[in-house]
Amino acid sequence: MPMLTRLLQALATAALAVGAEPGEGAAAVAEVLRVACGLRTGPCSGLTPAEAHRIWRVAHLPAILHPASDAPEWGKAGYRAYDAELERLL
């Protein structure tokens, strides 16, 4: 799994943990992801922020949003909101 998707997971989790609203938090997450994609070298150097978001959506969100997940409902709702906002921004 590309390192950028793990970075995106960590950023979204941190934004939710501090209570950042998706509108403002996702903008900051998207900016960090854009910078990270620009700095990236190596096997995934051509990965765009939008591609990293799509991979994150497949690699991380299903386990979080699964009904049997330990994530609280407010957390699931937050991840859904961040996903939608990142889709719009990226």
PDB file of N, CA and C in Angstrom:
ATOM      1  N   MET A   1       0.849  -1.174   0.000  1.00  0.00           N
ATOM      2  CA  MET A   1       0.000   0.000   0.000  1.00  0.00           C
ATOM      3  C   MET A   1       0.899   1.242   0.000  1.00  0.00           C
ATOM      4  N   PRO A   2       0.672   2.159  -0.902  1.00  0.00           N
ATOM      5  CA  PRO A   2       1.533   3.345  -0.967  1.00  0.00           C
ATOM      6  C   PRO A   2       1.556   4.121   0.350  1.00  0.00           C
ATOM      7  N   MET A   3       2.717   4.632   0.650  1.00  0.00           N
ATOM      8  CA  MET A   3       2.904   5.393   1.877  1.00  0.00           C
ATOM      9  C   MET A   3       1.967   6.605   1.935  1.00  0.00           C
ATOM     10  N   LEU A   4       1.645   7.157   0.778  1.00  0.00           N
ATOM     11  CA  LEU A   4       0.772   8.324   0.770  1.00  0.00           C
ATOM     12  C   LEU A   4      -0.626   8.005   1.288  1.00  0.00           C
ATOM     13  N   THR A   5      -1.089   6.788   1.090  1.00  0.00           N
ATOM     14  CA  THR A   5      -2.412   6.436   1.623  1.00  0.00           C
ATOM     15  C   THR A   5      -2.356   6.313   3.138  1.00  0.00           C
ATOM     16  N   ARG A   6      -1.224   5.831   3.650  1.00  0.00           N
ATOM     17  CA  ARG A   6      -1.075   5.774   5.113  1.00  0.00           C
ATOM     18  C   ARG A   6      -0.993   7.177   5.702  1.00  0.00           C
ATOM     19  N   LEU A   7      -0.325   8.078   4.969  1.00  0.00           N
ATOM     20  CA  LEU A   7      -0.280   9.468   5.405  1.00  0.00           C
ATOM     21  C   LEU A   7      -1.688  10.055   5.418  1.00  0.00           C
ATOM     22  N   LEU A   8      -2.448   9.807   4.375  1.00  0.00           N
ATOM     23  CA  LEU A   8      -3.826  10.311   4.305  1.00  0.00           C
ATOM     24  C   LEU A   8      -4.669   9.749   5.443  1.00  0.00           C
ATOM     25  N   GLN A   9      -4.511   8.475   5.758  1.00  0.00           N
ATOM     26  CA  GLN A   9      -5.248   7.873   6.873  1.00  0.00           C
ATOM     27  C   GLN A   9      -4.879   8.566   8.188  1.00  0.00           C
ATOM     28  N   ALA A  10      -3.596   8.794   8.393  1.00  0.00           N
ATOM     29  CA  ALA A  10      -3.148   9.452   9.623  1.00  0.00           C
ATOM     30  C   ALA A  10      -3.670  10.886   9.702  1.00  0.00           C
ATOM     31  N   LEU A  11      -3.660  11.595   8.592  1.00  0.00           N
ATOM     32  CA  LEU A  11      -4.146  12.982   8.584  1.00  0.00           C
ATOM     33  C   LEU A  11      -5.647  13.052   8.861  1.00  0.00           C
ATOM     34  N   ALA A  12      -6.415  12.177   8.217  1.00  0.00           N
ATOM     35  CA  ALA A  12      -7.865  12.173   8.440  1.00  0.00           C
ATOM     36  C   ALA A  12      -8.175  11.804   9.886  1.00  0.00           C
ATOM     37  N   THR A  13      -7.465  10.826  10.422  1.00  0.00           N
ATOM     38  CA  THR A  13      -7.682  10.419  11.811  1.00  0.00           C
ATOM     39  C   THR A  13      -7.333  11.546  12.770  1.00  0.00           C
ATOM     40  N   ALA A  14      -6.223  12.221  12.513  1.00  0.00           N
ATOM     41  CA  ALA A  14      -5.820  13.340  13.373  1.00  0.00           C
ATOM     42  C   ALA A  14      -6.838  14.473  13.302  1.00  0.00           C
ATOM     43  N   ALA A  15      -7.319  14.771  12.109  1.00  0.00           N
ATOM     44  CA  ALA A  15      -8.310  15.840  11.956  1.00  0.00           C
ATOM     45  C   ALA A  15      -9.591  15.504  12.714  1.00  0.00           C
ATOM     46  N   LEU A  16     -10.019  14.252  12.626  1.00  0.00           N
ATOM     47  CA  LEU A  16     -11.215  13.837  13.367  1.00  0.00           C
ATOM     48  C   LEU A  16     -10.973  13.890  14.873  1.00  0.00           C
ATOM     49  N   ALA A  17      -9.787  13.480  15.292  1.00  0.00           N
ATOM     50  CA  ALA A  17      -9.465  13.436  16.726  1.00  0.00           C
ATOM     51  C   ALA A  17      -9.474  14.821  17.355  1.00  0.00           C
ATOM     52  N   VAL A  18      -9.057  15.832  16.605  1.00  0.00           N
ATOM     53  CA  VAL A  18      -9.044  17.186  17.171  1.00  0.00           C
ATOM     54  C   VAL A  18     -10.364  17.918  16.928  1.00  0.00           C
ATOM     55  N   GLY A  19     -11.289  17.266  16.225  1.00  0.00           N
ATOM     56  CA  GLY A  19     -12.607  17.862  16.020  1.00  0.00           C
ATOM     57  C   GLY A  19     -12.681  18.868  14.894  1.00  0.00           C
ATOM     58  N   ALA A  20     -11.738  18.805  13.950  1.00  0.00           N
ATOM     59  CA  ALA A  20     -11.779  19.737  12.814  1.00  0.00           C
ATOM     60  C   ALA A  20     -12.971  19.403  11.924  1.00  0.00           C
ATOM     61  N   GLU A  21     -13.747  20.394  11.606  1.00  0.00           N
ATOM     62  CA  GLU A  21     -14.892  20.200  10.711  1.00  0.00           C
ATOM     63  C   GLU A  21     -14.384  19.768   9.337  1.00  0.00           C
ATOM     64  N   PRO A  22     -15.099  18.868   8.666  1.00  0.00           N
ATOM     65  CA  PRO A  22     -14.635  18.373   7.368  1.00  0.00           C
ATOM     66  C   PRO A  22     -14.333  19.469   6.346  1.00  0.00           C
ATOM     67  N   GLY A  23     -15.111  20.525   6.324  1.00  0.00           N
ATOM     68  CA  GLY A  23     -14.869  21.602   5.366  1.00  0.00           C
ATOM     69  C   GLY A  23     -13.502  22.224   5.511  1.00  0.00           C
ATOM     70  N   GLU A  24     -13.095  22.512   6.735  1.00  0.00           N
ATOM     71  CA  GLU A  24     -11.785  23.132   6.948  1.00  0.00           C
ATOM     72  C   GLU A  24     -10.687  22.081   7.072  1.00  0.00           C
ATOM     73  N   GLY A  25     -10.966  20.992   7.751  1.00  0.00           N
ATOM     74  CA  GLY A  25      -9.962  19.947   7.945  1.00  0.00           C
ATOM     75  C   GLY A  25      -9.554  19.286   6.644  1.00  0.00           C
ATOM     76  N   ALA A  26     -10.517  18.996   5.776  1.00  0.00           N
ATOM     77  CA  ALA A  26     -10.207  18.338   4.511  1.00  0.00           C
ATOM     78  C   ALA A  26      -9.365  19.234   3.612  1.00  0.00           C
ATOM     79  N   ALA A  27      -9.574  20.533   3.685  1.00  0.00           N
ATOM     80  CA  ALA A  27      -8.756  21.453   2.885  1.00  0.00           C
ATOM     81  C   ALA A  27      -7.296  21.370   3.320  1.00  0.00           C
ATOM     82  N   ALA A  28      -7.058  21.305   4.625  1.00  0.00           N
ATOM     83  CA  ALA A  28      -5.692  21.187   5.132  1.00  0.00           C
ATOM     84  C   ALA A  28      -5.100  19.830   4.778  1.00  0.00           C
ATOM     85  N   VAL A  29      -5.892  18.773   4.912  1.00  0.00           N
ATOM     86  CA  VAL A  29      -5.434  17.424   4.565  1.00  0.00           C
ATOM     87  C   VAL A  29      -5.064  17.374   3.080  1.00  0.00           C
ATOM     88  N   ALA A  30      -5.909  17.934   2.225  1.00  0.00           N
ATOM     89  CA  ALA A  30      -5.651  17.935   0.786  1.00  0.00           C
ATOM     90  C   ALA A  30      -4.364  18.696   0.462  1.00  0.00           C
ATOM     91  N   GLU A  31      -4.131  19.798   1.134  1.00  0.00           N
ATOM     92  CA  GLU A  31      -2.914  20.578   0.880  1.00  0.00           C
ATOM     93  C   GLU A  31      -1.668  19.803   1.289  1.00  0.00           C
ATOM     94  N   VAL A  32      -1.695  19.160   2.453  1.00  0.00           N
ATOM     95  CA  VAL A  32      -0.559  18.350   2.889  1.00  0.00           C
ATOM     96  C   VAL A  32      -0.333  17.208   1.897  1.00  0.00           C
ATOM     97  N   LEU A  33      -1.400  16.581   1.438  1.00  0.00           N
ATOM     98  CA  LEU A  33      -1.280  15.484   0.483  1.00  0.00           C
ATOM     99  C   LEU A  33      -0.691  15.977  -0.837  1.00  0.00           C
ATOM    100  N   ARG A  34      -1.096  17.140  -1.290  1.00  0.00           N
ATOM    101  CA  ARG A  34      -0.526  17.706  -2.528  1.00  0.00           C
ATOM    102  C   ARG A  34       0.976  17.933  -2.380  1.00  0.00           C
ATOM    103  N   VAL A  35       1.380  18.511  -1.264  1.00  0.00           N
ATOM    104  CA  VAL A  35       2.808  18.757  -1.018  1.00  0.00           C
ATOM    105  C   VAL A  35       3.566  17.433  -0.950  1.00  0.00           C
ATOM    106  N   ALA A  36       3.012  16.465  -0.231  1.00  0.00           N
ATOM    107  CA  ALA A  36       3.668  15.162  -0.095  1.00  0.00           C
ATOM    108  C   ALA A  36       3.810  14.480  -1.456  1.00  0.00           C
ATOM    109  N   CYS A  37       2.799  14.574  -2.298  1.00  0.00           N
ATOM    110  CA  CYS A  37       2.883  13.982  -3.634  1.00  0.00           C
ATOM    111  C   CYS A  37       3.976  14.666  -4.453  1.00  0.00           C
ATOM    112  N   GLY A  38       4.137  15.948  -4.261  1.00  0.00           N
ATOM    113  CA  GLY A  38       5.175  16.682  -4.971  1.00  0.00           C
ATOM    114  C   GLY A  38       6.578  16.322  -4.512  1.00  0.00           C
ATOM    115  N   LEU A  39       6.718  15.916  -3.272  1.00  0.00           N
ATOM    116  CA  LEU A  39       8.021  15.567  -2.713  1.00  0.00           C
ATOM    117  C   LEU A  39       8.379  14.105  -2.942  1.00  0.00           C
ATOM    118  N   ARG A  40       7.399  13.298  -3.222  1.00  0.00           N
ATOM    119  CA  ARG A  40       7.572  11.845  -3.299  1.00  0.00           C
ATOM    120  C   ARG A  40       8.484  11.443  -4.445  1.00  0.00           C
ATOM    121  N   THR A  41       9.386  10.517  -4.154  1.00  0.00           N
ATOM    122  CA  THR A  41      10.231   9.913  -5.184  1.00  0.00           C
ATOM    123  C   THR A  41      10.161   8.407  -5.020  1.00  0.00           C
ATOM    124  N   GLY A  42      10.551   7.687  -6.003  1.00  0.00           N
ATOM    125  CA  GLY A  42      10.562   6.232  -5.899  1.00  0.00           C
ATOM    126  C   GLY A  42       9.429   5.586  -6.659  1.00  0.00           C
ATOM    127  N   PRO A  43       9.045   4.358  -6.252  1.00  0.00           N
ATOM    128  CA  PRO A  43       8.090   3.570  -7.023  1.00  0.00           C
ATOM    129  C   PRO A  43       6.727   4.229  -7.220  1.00  0.00           C
ATOM    130  N   CYS A  44       6.272   5.004  -6.275  1.00  0.00           N
ATOM    131  CA  CYS A  44       4.942   5.629  -6.385  1.00  0.00           C
ATOM    132  C   CYS A  44       5.054   7.124  -6.667  1.00  0.00           C
ATOM    133  N   SER A  45       6.164   7.550  -7.276  1.00  0.00           N
ATOM    134  CA  SER A  45       6.392   8.982  -7.439  1.00  0.00           C
ATOM    135  C   SER A  45       5.368   9.647  -8.343  1.00  0.00           C
ATOM    136  N   GLY A  46       4.719   8.906  -9.229  1.00  0.00           N
ATOM    137  CA  GLY A  46       3.738   9.505 -10.115  1.00  0.00           C
ATOM    138  C   GLY A  46       2.337   9.543  -9.547  1.00  0.00           C
ATOM    139  N   LEU A  47       2.157   9.121  -8.302  1.00  0.00           N
ATOM    140  CA  LEU A  47       0.831   9.068  -7.688  1.00  0.00           C
ATOM    141  C   LEU A  47       0.311  10.493  -7.447  1.00  0.00           C
ATOM    142  N   THR A  48      -0.888  10.757  -7.941  1.00  0.00           N
ATOM    143  CA  THR A  48      -1.496  12.069  -7.728  1.00  0.00           C
ATOM    144  C   THR A  48      -2.283  12.061  -6.422  1.00  0.00           C
ATOM    145  N   PRO A  49      -2.592  13.235  -5.886  1.00  0.00           N
ATOM    146  CA  PRO A  49      -3.427  13.279  -4.683  1.00  0.00           C
ATOM    147  C   PRO A  49      -4.778  12.578  -4.883  1.00  0.00           C
ATOM    148  N   ALA A  50      -5.386  12.738  -6.044  1.00  0.00           N
ATOM    149  CA  ALA A  50      -6.678  12.087  -6.308  1.00  0.00           C
ATOM    150  C   ALA A  50      -6.532  10.571  -6.323  1.00  0.00           C
ATOM    151  N   GLU A  51      -5.434  10.072  -6.887  1.00  0.00           N
ATOM    152  CA  GLU A  51      -5.203   8.627  -6.890  1.00  0.00           C
ATOM    153  C   GLU A  51      -4.957   8.105  -5.478  1.00  0.00           C
ATOM    154  N   ALA A  52      -4.189   8.845  -4.696  1.00  0.00           N
ATOM    155  CA  ALA A  52      -3.943   8.455  -3.307  1.00  0.00           C
ATOM    156  C   ALA A  52      -5.262   8.398  -2.539  1.00  0.00           C
ATOM    157  N   HIS A  53      -6.144   9.357  -2.799  1.00  0.00           N
ATOM    158  CA  HIS A  53      -7.455   9.361  -2.148  1.00  0.00           C
ATOM    159  C   HIS A  53      -8.268   8.136  -2.546  1.00  0.00           C
ATOM    160  N   ARG A  54      -8.274   7.791  -3.829  1.00  0.00           N
ATOM    161  CA  ARG A  54      -9.036   6.622  -4.280  1.00  0.00           C
ATOM    162  C   ARG A  54      -8.490   5.330  -3.667  1.00  0.00           C
ATOM    163  N   ILE A  55      -7.179   5.213  -3.577  1.00  0.00           N
ATOM    164  CA  ILE A  55      -6.587   4.026  -2.956  1.00  0.00           C
ATOM    165  C   ILE A  55      -6.945   3.982  -1.476  1.00  0.00           C
ATOM    166  N   TRP A  56      -6.887   5.126  -0.802  1.00  0.00           N
ATOM    167  CA  TRP A  56      -7.257   5.218   0.616  1.00  0.00           C
ATOM    168  C   TRP A  56      -8.698   4.766   0.820  1.00  0.00           C
ATOM    169  N   ARG A  57      -9.559   5.191  -0.085  1.00  0.00           N
ATOM    170  CA  ARG A  57     -10.976   4.839   0.001  1.00  0.00           C
ATOM    171  C   ARG A  57     -11.171   3.323  -0.049  1.00  0.00           C
ATOM    172  N   VAL A  58     -10.364   2.635  -0.828  1.00  0.00           N
ATOM    173  CA  VAL A  58     -10.484   1.182  -0.967  1.00  0.00           C
ATOM    174  C   VAL A  58      -9.696   0.446   0.122  1.00  0.00           C
ATOM    175  N   ALA A  59      -8.542   0.982   0.485  1.00  0.00           N
ATOM    176  CA  ALA A  59      -7.653   0.280   1.420  1.00  0.00           C
ATOM    177  C   ALA A  59      -8.014   0.481   2.885  1.00  0.00           C
ATOM    178  N   HIS A  60      -8.562   1.623   3.237  1.00  0.00           N
ATOM    179  CA  HIS A  60      -8.790   1.932   4.647  1.00  0.00           C
ATOM    180  C   HIS A  60     -10.260   2.054   5.046  1.00  0.00           C
ATOM    181  N   LEU A  61     -11.054   2.709   4.232  1.00  0.00           N
ATOM    182  CA  LEU A  61     -12.432   2.994   4.642  1.00  0.00           C
ATOM    183  C   LEU A  61     -13.315   1.777   4.869  1.00  0.00           C
ATOM    184  N   PRO A  62     -13.236   0.727   4.051  1.00  0.00           N
ATOM    185  CA  PRO A  62     -14.143  -0.405   4.300  1.00  0.00           C
ATOM    186  C   PRO A  62     -14.030  -0.989   5.710  1.00  0.00           C
ATOM    187  N   ALA A  63     -12.822  -1.116   6.215  1.00  0.00           N
ATOM    188  CA  ALA A  63     -12.653  -1.676   7.565  1.00  0.00           C
ATOM    189  C   ALA A  63     -13.218  -0.740   8.629  1.00  0.00           C
ATOM    190  N   ILE A  64     -13.083   0.549   8.413  1.00  0.00           N
ATOM    191  CA  ILE A  64     -13.589   1.528   9.378  1.00  0.00           C
ATOM    192  C   ILE A  64     -15.110   1.597   9.337  1.00  0.00           C
ATOM    193  N   LEU A  65     -15.666   1.583   8.135  1.00  0.00           N
ATOM    194  CA  LEU A  65     -17.105   1.778   7.965  1.00  0.00           C
ATOM    195  C   LEU A  65     -17.915   0.486   8.082  1.00  0.00           C
ATOM    196  N   HIS A  66     -17.255  -0.632   8.162  1.00  0.00           N
ATOM    197  CA  HIS A  66     -17.950  -1.916   8.287  1.00  0.00           C
ATOM    198  C   HIS A  66     -18.819  -1.899   9.543  1.00  0.00           C
ATOM    199  N   PRO A  67     -20.033  -2.448   9.479  1.00  0.00           N
ATOM    200  CA  PRO A  67     -20.917  -2.442  10.650  1.00  0.00           C
ATOM    201  C   PRO A  67     -20.299  -3.072  11.905  1.00  0.00           C
ATOM    202  N   ALA A  68     -19.419  -4.049  11.736  1.00  0.00           N
ATOM    203  CA  ALA A  68     -18.801  -4.707  12.893  1.00  0.00           C
ATOM    204  C   ALA A  68     -17.545  -3.983  13.391  1.00  0.00           C
ATOM    205  N   SER A  69     -17.202  -2.877  12.759  1.00  0.00           N
ATOM    206  CA  SER A  69     -16.020  -2.106  13.142  1.00  0.00           C
ATOM    207  C   SER A  69     -16.157  -1.560  14.562  1.00  0.00           C
ATOM    208  N   ASP A  70     -15.030  -1.410  15.248  1.00  0.00           N
ATOM    209  CA  ASP A  70     -15.022  -0.826  16.590  1.00  0.00           C
ATOM    210  C   ASP A  70     -15.169   0.696  16.567  1.00  0.00           C
ATOM    211  N   ALA A  71     -15.107   1.285  15.382  1.00  0.00           N
ATOM    212  CA  ALA A  71     -15.206   2.738  15.276  1.00  0.00           C
ATOM    213  C   ALA A  71     -16.576   3.214  15.750  1.00  0.00           C
ATOM    214  N   PRO A  72     -16.617   4.288  16.539  1.00  0.00           N
ATOM    215  CA  PRO A  72     -17.910   4.816  16.973  1.00  0.00           C
ATOM    216  C   PRO A  72     -18.668   5.416  15.788  1.00  0.00           C
ATOM    217  N   GLU A  73     -19.961   5.519  15.924  1.00  0.00           N
ATOM    218  CA  GLU A  73     -20.782   6.057  14.832  1.00  0.00           C
ATOM    219  C   GLU A  73     -20.372   7.476  14.446  1.00  0.00           C
ATOM    220  N   TRP A  74     -20.003   8.300  15.427  1.00  0.00           N
ATOM    221  CA  TRP A  74     -19.576   9.663  15.090  1.00  0.00           C
ATOM    222  C   TRP A  74     -18.286   9.624  14.259  1.00  0.00           C
ATOM    223  N   GLY A  75     -17.426   8.630  14.529  1.00  0.00           N
ATOM    224  CA  GLY A  75     -16.199   8.492  13.758  1.00  0.00           C
ATOM    225  C   GLY A  75     -16.478   8.048  12.335  1.00  0.00           C
ATOM    226  N   LYS A  76     -17.391   7.093  12.187  1.00  0.00           N
ATOM    227  CA  LYS A  76     -17.774   6.634  10.856  1.00  0.00           C
ATOM    228  C   LYS A  76     -18.368   7.782  10.048  1.00  0.00           C
ATOM    229  N   ALA A  77     -19.222   8.562  10.701  1.00  0.00           N
ATOM    230  CA  ALA A  77     -19.822   9.716  10.019  1.00  0.00           C
ATOM    231  C   ALA A  77     -18.752  10.725   9.625  1.00  0.00           C
ATOM    232  N   GLY A  78     -17.776  10.918  10.496  1.00  0.00           N
ATOM    233  CA  GLY A  78     -16.687  11.848  10.202  1.00  0.00           C
ATOM    234  C   GLY A  78     -15.849  11.392   9.021  1.00  0.00           C
ATOM    235  N   TYR A  79     -15.519  10.107   8.983  1.00  0.00           N
ATOM    236  CA  TYR A  79     -14.741   9.588   7.849  1.00  0.00           C
ATOM    237  C   TYR A  79     -15.532   9.719   6.544  1.00  0.00           C
ATOM    238  N   ARG A  80     -16.836   9.459   6.605  1.00  0.00           N
ATOM    239  CA  ARG A  80     -17.655   9.621   5.396  1.00  0.00           C
ATOM    240  C   ARG A  80     -17.634  11.078   4.931  1.00  0.00           C
ATOM    241  N   ALA A  81     -17.748  11.991   5.867  1.00  0.00           N
ATOM    242  CA  ALA A  81     -17.743  13.418   5.519  1.00  0.00           C
ATOM    243  C   ALA A  81     -16.393  13.839   4.944  1.00  0.00           C
ATOM    244  N   TYR A  82     -15.306  13.364   5.544  1.00  0.00           N
ATOM    245  CA  TYR A  82     -13.980  13.687   5.015  1.00  0.00           C
ATOM    246  C   TYR A  82     -13.791  13.081   3.632  1.00  0.00           C
ATOM    247  N   ASP A  83     -14.255  11.866   3.437  1.00  0.00           N
ATOM    248  CA  ASP A  83     -14.154  11.223   2.128  1.00  0.00           C
ATOM    249  C   ASP A  83     -14.869  12.060   1.072  1.00  0.00           C
ATOM    250  N   ALA A  84     -16.081  12.484   1.368  1.00  0.00           N
ATOM    251  CA  ALA A  84     -16.845  13.284   0.407  1.00  0.00           C
ATOM    252  C   ALA A  84     -16.168  14.620   0.128  1.00  0.00           C
ATOM    253  N   GLU A  85     -15.665  15.249   1.159  1.00  0.00           N
ATOM    254  CA  GLU A  85     -15.012  16.561   0.976  1.00  0.00           C
ATOM    255  C   GLU A  85     -13.702  16.408   0.208  1.00  0.00           C
ATOM    256  N   LEU A  86     -12.935  15.365   0.506  1.00  0.00           N
ATOM    257  CA  LEU A  86     -11.691  15.130  -0.238  1.00  0.00           C
ATOM    258  C   LEU A  86     -11.981  14.813  -1.693  1.00  0.00           C
ATOM    259  N   GLU A  87     -13.046  14.076  -1.953  1.00  0.00           N
ATOM    260  CA  GLU A  87     -13.437  13.792  -3.341  1.00  0.00           C
ATOM    261  C   GLU A  87     -13.701  15.096  -4.079  1.00  0.00           C
ATOM    262  N   ARG A  88     -14.358  16.013  -3.418  1.00  0.00           N
ATOM    263  CA  ARG A  88     -14.666  17.311  -4.040  1.00  0.00           C
ATOM    264  C   ARG A  88     -13.395  18.134  -4.280  1.00  0.00           C
ATOM    265  N   LEU A  89     -12.489  18.107  -3.306  1.00  0.00           N
ATOM    266  CA  LEU A  89     -11.284  18.941  -3.372  1.00  0.00           C
ATOM    267  C   LEU A  89     -10.194  18.385  -4.296  1.00  0.00           C
ATOM    268  N   LEU A  90     -10.127  17.075  -4.377  1.00  0.00           N
ATOM    269  CA  LEU A  90      -9.028  16.471  -5.149  1.00  0.00           C
ATOM    270  C   LEU A  90      -9.504  16.067  -6.531  1.00  0.00           C
TER     271      LEU A  90
END
